[in-house]
Amino acid sequence: QILIGRRNGEKKFHQIGEIVIQGILFLLVPALLLIAVFKLGFTDTLMRLFESENVSEAVSDYLDWRVYGFVFAFANSTFRAFYIGIARTKVLTINSLVMALVNLVLDYGLIFGNFG
């Protein structure tokens, strides 16, 4: 974010893309490591925290798919840094509003079962 803001202030716009790509690639490493940790046994360790076997299985099923979101969540932090660095935070505000509305609709339909 700081590097992007600096390049934006220096009017070196062509260097901003390089910083964003490097940021995504840099954050891809810990995201993939976290996926590997969860897939290779952390889930089993986590399951010992729960007394109920049903809860343990539900958590395990959830984490089996949720861990892949690490890649997108980490990449998203780079895009947030990009928009903050180029001083276009309005994009982030609109993005947050759209995400909240989509989440409400999907919660209403999928969690509470109101779409059939």
N, C-alpha and C. Protein backbone atom coordinates (compact mmCIF):
# COMPACT_ATOMS: atom_id res chain seq x y z
N GLN A 1 0.83 -1.19 0.00
CA GLN A 1 0.00 0.00 0.00
C GLN A 1 0.88 1.25 0.00
N ILE A 2 1.89 1.26 0.82
CA ILE A 2 2.78 2.41 0.89
C ILE A 2 3.54 2.57 -0.41
N LEU A 3 4.06 1.46 -0.93
CA LEU A 3 4.80 1.52 -2.20
C LEU A 3 3.90 1.97 -3.34
N ILE A 4 2.68 1.48 -3.36
CA ILE A 4 1.73 1.88 -4.41
C ILE A 4 1.43 3.37 -4.29
N GLY A 5 1.18 3.83 -3.06
CA GLY A 5 0.93 5.25 -2.84
C GLY A 5 2.10 6.13 -3.25
N ARG A 6 3.30 5.65 -2.96
CA ARG A 6 4.50 6.41 -3.34
C ARG A 6 4.61 6.51 -4.86
N ARG A 7 4.45 5.37 -5.55
CA ARG A 7 4.55 5.39 -7.02
C ARG A 7 3.43 6.23 -7.63
N ASN A 8 2.27 6.21 -7.01
CA ASN A 8 1.16 7.04 -7.50
C ASN A 8 1.50 8.51 -7.33
N GLY A 9 2.06 8.88 -6.19
CA GLY A 9 2.45 10.27 -5.95
C GLY A 9 3.58 10.73 -6.85
N GLU A 10 4.46 9.80 -7.21
CA GLU A 10 5.58 10.12 -8.10
C GLU A 10 5.17 10.09 -9.58
N LYS A 11 3.91 9.78 -9.82
CA LYS A 11 3.37 9.67 -11.19
C LYS A 11 4.06 8.56 -12.00
N LYS A 12 4.56 7.55 -11.32
CA LYS A 12 5.18 6.39 -11.98
C LYS A 12 4.14 5.26 -12.03
N PHE A 13 3.08 5.53 -12.78
CA PHE A 13 1.94 4.62 -12.81
C PHE A 13 2.30 3.24 -13.36
N HIS A 14 3.25 3.19 -14.28
CA HIS A 14 3.63 1.92 -14.89
C HIS A 14 4.26 0.95 -13.88
N GLN A 15 4.77 1.46 -12.78
CA GLN A 15 5.39 0.61 -11.76
C GLN A 15 4.38 0.06 -10.76
N ILE A 16 3.19 0.63 -10.73
CA ILE A 16 2.18 0.19 -9.76
C ILE A 16 1.74 -1.24 -10.05
N GLY A 17 1.54 -1.55 -11.32
CA GLY A 17 1.12 -2.90 -11.68
C GLY A 17 2.12 -3.95 -11.26
N GLU A 18 3.40 -3.64 -11.40
CA GLU A 18 4.45 -4.58 -10.98
C GLU A 18 4.37 -4.84 -9.48
N ILE A 19 4.10 -3.79 -8.71
CA ILE A 19 4.00 -3.93 -7.25
C ILE A 19 2.80 -4.80 -6.89
N VAL A 20 1.68 -4.58 -7.57
CA VAL A 20 0.48 -5.36 -7.29
C VAL A 20 0.71 -6.84 -7.61
N ILE A 21 1.31 -7.12 -8.75
CA ILE A 21 1.58 -8.51 -9.13
C ILE A 21 2.54 -9.15 -8.13
N GLN A 22 3.58 -8.44 -7.74
CA GLN A 22 4.51 -8.98 -6.75
C GLN A 22 3.81 -9.23 -5.42
N GLY A 23 2.90 -8.33 -5.05
CA GLY A 23 2.16 -8.51 -3.81
C GLY A 23 1.29 -9.75 -3.84
N ILE A 24 0.61 -9.97 -4.96
CA ILE A 24 -0.23 -11.16 -5.10
C ILE A 24 0.62 -12.42 -5.03
N LEU A 25 1.73 -12.43 -5.77
CA LEU A 25 2.61 -13.61 -5.76
C LEU A 25 3.21 -13.84 -4.37
N PHE A 26 3.59 -12.76 -3.70
CA PHE A 26 4.15 -12.87 -2.36
C PHE A 26 3.13 -13.47 -1.39
N LEU A 27 1.88 -13.03 -1.47
CA LEU A 27 0.85 -13.53 -0.56
C LEU A 27 0.32 -14.90 -0.96
N LEU A 28 0.60 -15.30 -2.18
CA LEU A 28 0.20 -16.64 -2.62
C LEU A 28 0.93 -17.72 -1.83
N VAL A 29 2.16 -17.45 -1.46
CA VAL A 29 2.97 -18.43 -0.71
C VAL A 29 2.35 -18.75 0.65
N PRO A 30 2.06 -17.76 1.51
CA PRO A 30 1.44 -18.13 2.80
C PRO A 30 0.04 -18.72 2.63
N ALA A 31 -0.69 -18.29 1.61
CA ALA A 31 -2.02 -18.87 1.38
C ALA A 31 -1.90 -20.35 1.06
N LEU A 32 -0.98 -20.70 0.17
CA LEU A 32 -0.79 -22.11 -0.18
C LEU A 32 -0.25 -22.91 1.01
N LEU A 33 0.60 -22.29 1.81
CA LEU A 33 1.10 -22.98 3.01
C LEU A 33 -0.03 -23.26 4.00
N LEU A 34 -0.92 -22.28 4.18
CA LEU A 34 -2.06 -22.50 5.07
C LEU A 34 -2.97 -23.60 4.56
N ILE A 35 -3.19 -23.64 3.26
CA ILE A 35 -4.00 -24.71 2.68
C ILE A 35 -3.35 -26.06 2.97
N ALA A 36 -2.05 -26.14 2.75
CA ALA A 36 -1.34 -27.40 3.00
C ALA A 36 -1.43 -27.80 4.47
N VAL A 37 -1.26 -26.84 5.38
CA VAL A 37 -1.34 -27.14 6.81
C VAL A 37 -2.72 -27.68 7.16
N PHE A 38 -3.77 -27.05 6.66
CA PHE A 38 -5.12 -27.50 6.96
C PHE A 38 -5.41 -28.86 6.34
N LYS A 39 -4.94 -29.08 5.14
CA LYS A 39 -5.21 -30.34 4.45
C LYS A 39 -4.39 -31.51 5.00
N LEU A 40 -3.22 -31.22 5.54
CA LEU A 40 -2.32 -32.29 5.99
C LEU A 40 -2.40 -32.59 7.48
N GLY A 41 -3.47 -32.19 8.12
CA GLY A 41 -3.59 -32.64 9.49
C GLY A 41 -4.04 -31.65 10.53
N PHE A 42 -4.03 -30.37 10.22
CA PHE A 42 -4.48 -29.42 11.24
C PHE A 42 -5.95 -29.62 11.56
N THR A 43 -6.70 -30.07 10.57
CA THR A 43 -8.13 -30.32 10.79
C THR A 43 -8.31 -31.39 11.86
N ASP A 44 -7.48 -32.43 11.82
CA ASP A 44 -7.57 -33.48 12.84
C ASP A 44 -7.26 -32.94 14.23
N THR A 45 -6.26 -32.08 14.31
CA THR A 45 -5.92 -31.46 15.59
C THR A 45 -7.05 -30.57 16.06
N LEU A 46 -7.63 -29.82 15.15
CA LEU A 46 -8.73 -28.92 15.50
C LEU A 46 -9.95 -29.70 16.00
N MET A 47 -10.16 -30.89 15.47
CA MET A 47 -11.33 -31.68 15.84
C MET A 47 -11.29 -32.11 17.30
N ARG A 48 -10.11 -32.18 17.88
CA ARG A 48 -9.99 -32.58 19.29
C ARG A 48 -10.54 -31.51 20.23
N LEU A 49 -10.77 -30.31 19.71
CA LEU A 49 -11.31 -29.23 20.53
C LEU A 49 -12.80 -29.39 20.82
N PHE A 50 -13.47 -30.21 20.03
CA PHE A 50 -14.92 -30.33 20.14
C PHE A 50 -15.30 -31.65 20.79
N GLU A 51 -16.24 -31.58 21.72
CA GLU A 51 -16.73 -32.80 22.37
C GLU A 51 -17.70 -33.55 21.48
N SER A 52 -18.49 -32.83 20.73
CA SER A 52 -19.49 -33.45 19.87
C SER A 52 -18.86 -33.91 18.56
N GLU A 53 -19.08 -35.16 18.23
CA GLU A 53 -18.56 -35.68 16.97
C GLU A 53 -19.28 -35.04 15.78
N ASN A 54 -20.57 -34.72 15.96
CA ASN A 54 -21.32 -34.07 14.88
C ASN A 54 -20.75 -32.68 14.57
N VAL A 55 -20.41 -31.95 15.62
CA VAL A 55 -19.83 -30.62 15.43
C VAL A 55 -18.46 -30.76 14.76
N SER A 56 -17.68 -31.71 15.21
CA SER A 56 -16.36 -31.94 14.62
C SER A 56 -16.46 -32.24 13.13
N GLU A 57 -17.40 -33.09 12.76
CA GLU A 57 -17.58 -33.43 11.35
C GLU A 57 -18.04 -32.23 10.54
N ALA A 58 -18.95 -31.42 11.12
CA ALA A 58 -19.43 -30.23 10.42
C ALA A 58 -18.30 -29.23 10.20
N VAL A 59 -17.47 -29.04 11.23
CA VAL A 59 -16.33 -28.13 11.10
C VAL A 59 -15.36 -28.65 10.06
N SER A 60 -15.10 -29.94 10.08
CA SER A 60 -14.19 -30.54 9.10
C SER A 60 -14.72 -30.39 7.68
N ASP A 61 -16.01 -30.66 7.49
CA ASP A 61 -16.61 -30.49 6.16
C ASP A 61 -16.52 -29.05 5.69
N TYR A 62 -16.77 -28.11 6.60
CA TYR A 62 -16.71 -26.69 6.26
C TYR A 62 -15.28 -26.29 5.87
N LEU A 63 -14.32 -26.71 6.68
CA LEU A 63 -12.93 -26.32 6.42
C LEU A 63 -12.35 -26.97 5.17
N ASP A 64 -12.87 -28.15 4.81
CA ASP A 64 -12.39 -28.80 3.59
C ASP A 64 -12.55 -27.91 2.38
N TRP A 65 -13.61 -27.12 2.36
CA TRP A 65 -13.84 -26.22 1.22
C TRP A 65 -13.38 -24.81 1.50
N ARG A 66 -13.49 -24.38 2.75
CA ARG A 66 -13.19 -22.99 3.09
C ARG A 66 -11.72 -22.64 2.93
N VAL A 67 -10.84 -23.61 3.11
CA VAL A 67 -9.41 -23.31 3.04
C VAL A 67 -9.00 -22.78 1.67
N TYR A 68 -9.72 -23.14 0.63
CA TYR A 68 -9.37 -22.65 -0.70
C TYR A 68 -9.65 -21.15 -0.83
N GLY A 69 -10.45 -20.62 0.06
CA GLY A 69 -10.72 -19.19 0.07
C GLY A 69 -9.53 -18.36 0.51
N PHE A 70 -8.53 -19.00 1.14
CA PHE A 70 -7.34 -18.27 1.55
C PHE A 70 -6.67 -17.57 0.37
N VAL A 71 -6.60 -18.25 -0.76
CA VAL A 71 -5.96 -17.67 -1.94
C VAL A 71 -6.67 -16.38 -2.34
N PHE A 72 -7.99 -16.42 -2.38
CA PHE A 72 -8.77 -15.26 -2.80
C PHE A 72 -8.76 -14.16 -1.74
N ALA A 73 -8.80 -14.55 -0.48
CA ALA A 73 -8.77 -13.55 0.60
C ALA A 73 -7.43 -12.82 0.62
N PHE A 74 -6.34 -13.55 0.42
CA PHE A 74 -5.03 -12.93 0.41
C PHE A 74 -4.87 -12.03 -0.82
N ALA A 75 -5.35 -12.49 -1.96
CA ALA A 75 -5.29 -11.65 -3.17
C ALA A 75 -6.14 -10.40 -2.99
N ASN A 76 -7.28 -10.55 -2.33
CA ASN A 76 -8.16 -9.41 -2.08
C ASN A 76 -7.45 -8.34 -1.25
N SER A 77 -6.62 -8.74 -0.31
CA SER A 77 -5.91 -7.75 0.49
C SER A 77 -4.95 -6.92 -0.38
N THR A 78 -4.41 -7.54 -1.42
CA THR A 78 -3.54 -6.80 -2.34
C THR A 78 -4.35 -5.79 -3.14
N PHE A 79 -5.54 -6.18 -3.58
CA PHE A 79 -6.38 -5.24 -4.32
C PHE A 79 -6.85 -4.09 -3.43
N ARG A 80 -7.12 -4.38 -2.15
CA ARG A 80 -7.47 -3.31 -1.22
C ARG A 80 -6.31 -2.33 -1.09
N ALA A 81 -5.10 -2.86 -0.97
CA ALA A 81 -3.92 -2.00 -0.87
C ALA A 81 -3.77 -1.17 -2.14
N PHE A 82 -4.08 -1.76 -3.29
CA PHE A 82 -3.99 -1.03 -4.56
C PHE A 82 -4.93 0.17 -4.57
N TYR A 83 -6.20 -0.06 -4.24
CA TYR A 83 -7.16 1.04 -4.29
C TYR A 83 -6.90 2.10 -3.22
N ILE A 84 -6.42 1.69 -2.07
CA ILE A 84 -6.05 2.67 -1.05
C ILE A 84 -4.82 3.45 -1.52
N GLY A 85 -3.86 2.75 -2.10
CA GLY A 85 -2.63 3.39 -2.56
C GLY A 85 -2.84 4.39 -3.68
N ILE A 86 -3.83 4.15 -4.55
CA ILE A 86 -4.09 5.11 -5.63
C ILE A 86 -5.19 6.10 -5.23
N ALA A 87 -5.58 6.07 -3.96
CA ALA A 87 -6.56 7.01 -3.39
C ALA A 87 -7.92 6.92 -4.06
N ARG A 88 -8.36 5.69 -4.36
CA ARG A 88 -9.70 5.48 -4.91
C ARG A 88 -10.49 4.57 -3.98
N THR A 89 -10.67 5.04 -2.76
CA THR A 89 -11.33 4.22 -1.75
C THR A 89 -12.83 4.09 -1.98
N LYS A 90 -13.39 4.91 -2.86
CA LYS A 90 -14.81 4.79 -3.19
C LYS A 90 -15.11 3.41 -3.77
N VAL A 91 -14.17 2.87 -4.53
CA VAL A 91 -14.33 1.53 -5.10
C VAL A 91 -14.50 0.51 -3.98
N LEU A 92 -13.73 0.65 -2.90
CA LEU A 92 -13.82 -0.28 -1.78
C LEU A 92 -15.15 -0.14 -1.05
N THR A 93 -15.65 1.08 -0.94
CA THR A 93 -16.94 1.30 -0.30
C THR A 93 -18.05 0.64 -1.10
N ILE A 94 -18.05 0.83 -2.40
CA ILE A 94 -19.07 0.22 -3.26
C ILE A 94 -18.95 -1.30 -3.19
N ASN A 95 -17.72 -1.80 -3.24
CA ASN A 95 -17.49 -3.24 -3.14
C ASN A 95 -18.05 -3.81 -1.84
N SER A 96 -17.82 -3.12 -0.74
CA SER A 96 -18.31 -3.58 0.56
C SER A 96 -19.83 -3.60 0.60
N LEU A 97 -20.46 -2.58 0.04
CA LEU A 97 -21.92 -2.53 0.01
C LEU A 97 -22.50 -3.66 -0.83
N VAL A 98 -21.91 -3.90 -1.99
CA VAL A 98 -22.39 -4.98 -2.86
C VAL A 98 -22.21 -6.33 -2.17
N MET A 99 -21.05 -6.53 -1.54
CA MET A 99 -20.82 -7.80 -0.84
C MET A 99 -21.82 -8.00 0.29
N ALA A 100 -22.12 -6.95 1.04
CA ALA A 100 -23.08 -7.06 2.14
C ALA A 100 -24.47 -7.40 1.62
N LEU A 101 -24.89 -6.75 0.53
CA LEU A 101 -26.21 -7.04 -0.03
C LEU A 101 -26.30 -8.46 -0.58
N VAL A 102 -25.29 -8.89 -1.29
CA VAL A 102 -25.27 -10.26 -1.81
C VAL A 102 -25.29 -11.25 -0.65
N ASN A 103 -24.53 -10.97 0.39
CA ASN A 103 -24.50 -11.84 1.55
C ASN A 103 -25.88 -11.94 2.21
N LEU A 104 -26.57 -10.81 2.32
CA LEU A 104 -27.92 -10.83 2.91
C LEU A 104 -28.87 -11.67 2.08
N VAL A 105 -28.84 -11.50 0.78
CA VAL A 105 -29.74 -12.26 -0.10
C VAL A 105 -29.42 -13.75 -0.01
N LEU A 106 -28.14 -14.10 -0.09
CA LEU A 106 -27.77 -15.51 -0.02
C LEU A 106 -28.06 -16.12 1.35
N ASP A 107 -27.85 -15.36 2.42
CA ASP A 107 -28.21 -15.85 3.75
C ASP A 107 -29.70 -16.13 3.83
N TYR A 108 -30.49 -15.19 3.35
CA TYR A 108 -31.95 -15.33 3.37
C TYR A 108 -32.38 -16.59 2.62
N GLY A 109 -31.77 -16.81 1.47
CA GLY A 109 -32.18 -17.93 0.64
C GLY A 109 -31.55 -19.25 1.01
N LEU A 110 -30.27 -19.26 1.30
CA LEU A 110 -29.57 -20.52 1.49
C LEU A 110 -29.52 -20.97 2.95
N ILE A 111 -29.30 -20.06 3.87
CA ILE A 111 -29.23 -20.44 5.28
C ILE A 111 -30.63 -20.64 5.85
N PHE A 112 -31.51 -19.70 5.56
CA PHE A 112 -32.85 -19.77 6.13
C PHE A 112 -33.83 -20.52 5.23
N GLY A 113 -33.38 -20.92 4.05
CA GLY A 113 -34.18 -21.77 3.18
C GLY A 113 -35.40 -21.10 2.57
N ASN A 114 -35.34 -19.82 2.34
CA ASN A 114 -36.51 -19.11 1.83
C ASN A 114 -36.58 -19.06 0.31
N PHE A 115 -35.69 -19.73 -0.39
CA PHE A 115 -35.76 -19.79 -1.85
C PHE A 115 -36.24 -21.15 -2.32
N GLY A 116 -36.83 -21.90 -1.43
CA GLY A 116 -37.38 -23.20 -1.82
C GLY A 116 -36.59 -24.25 -1.24
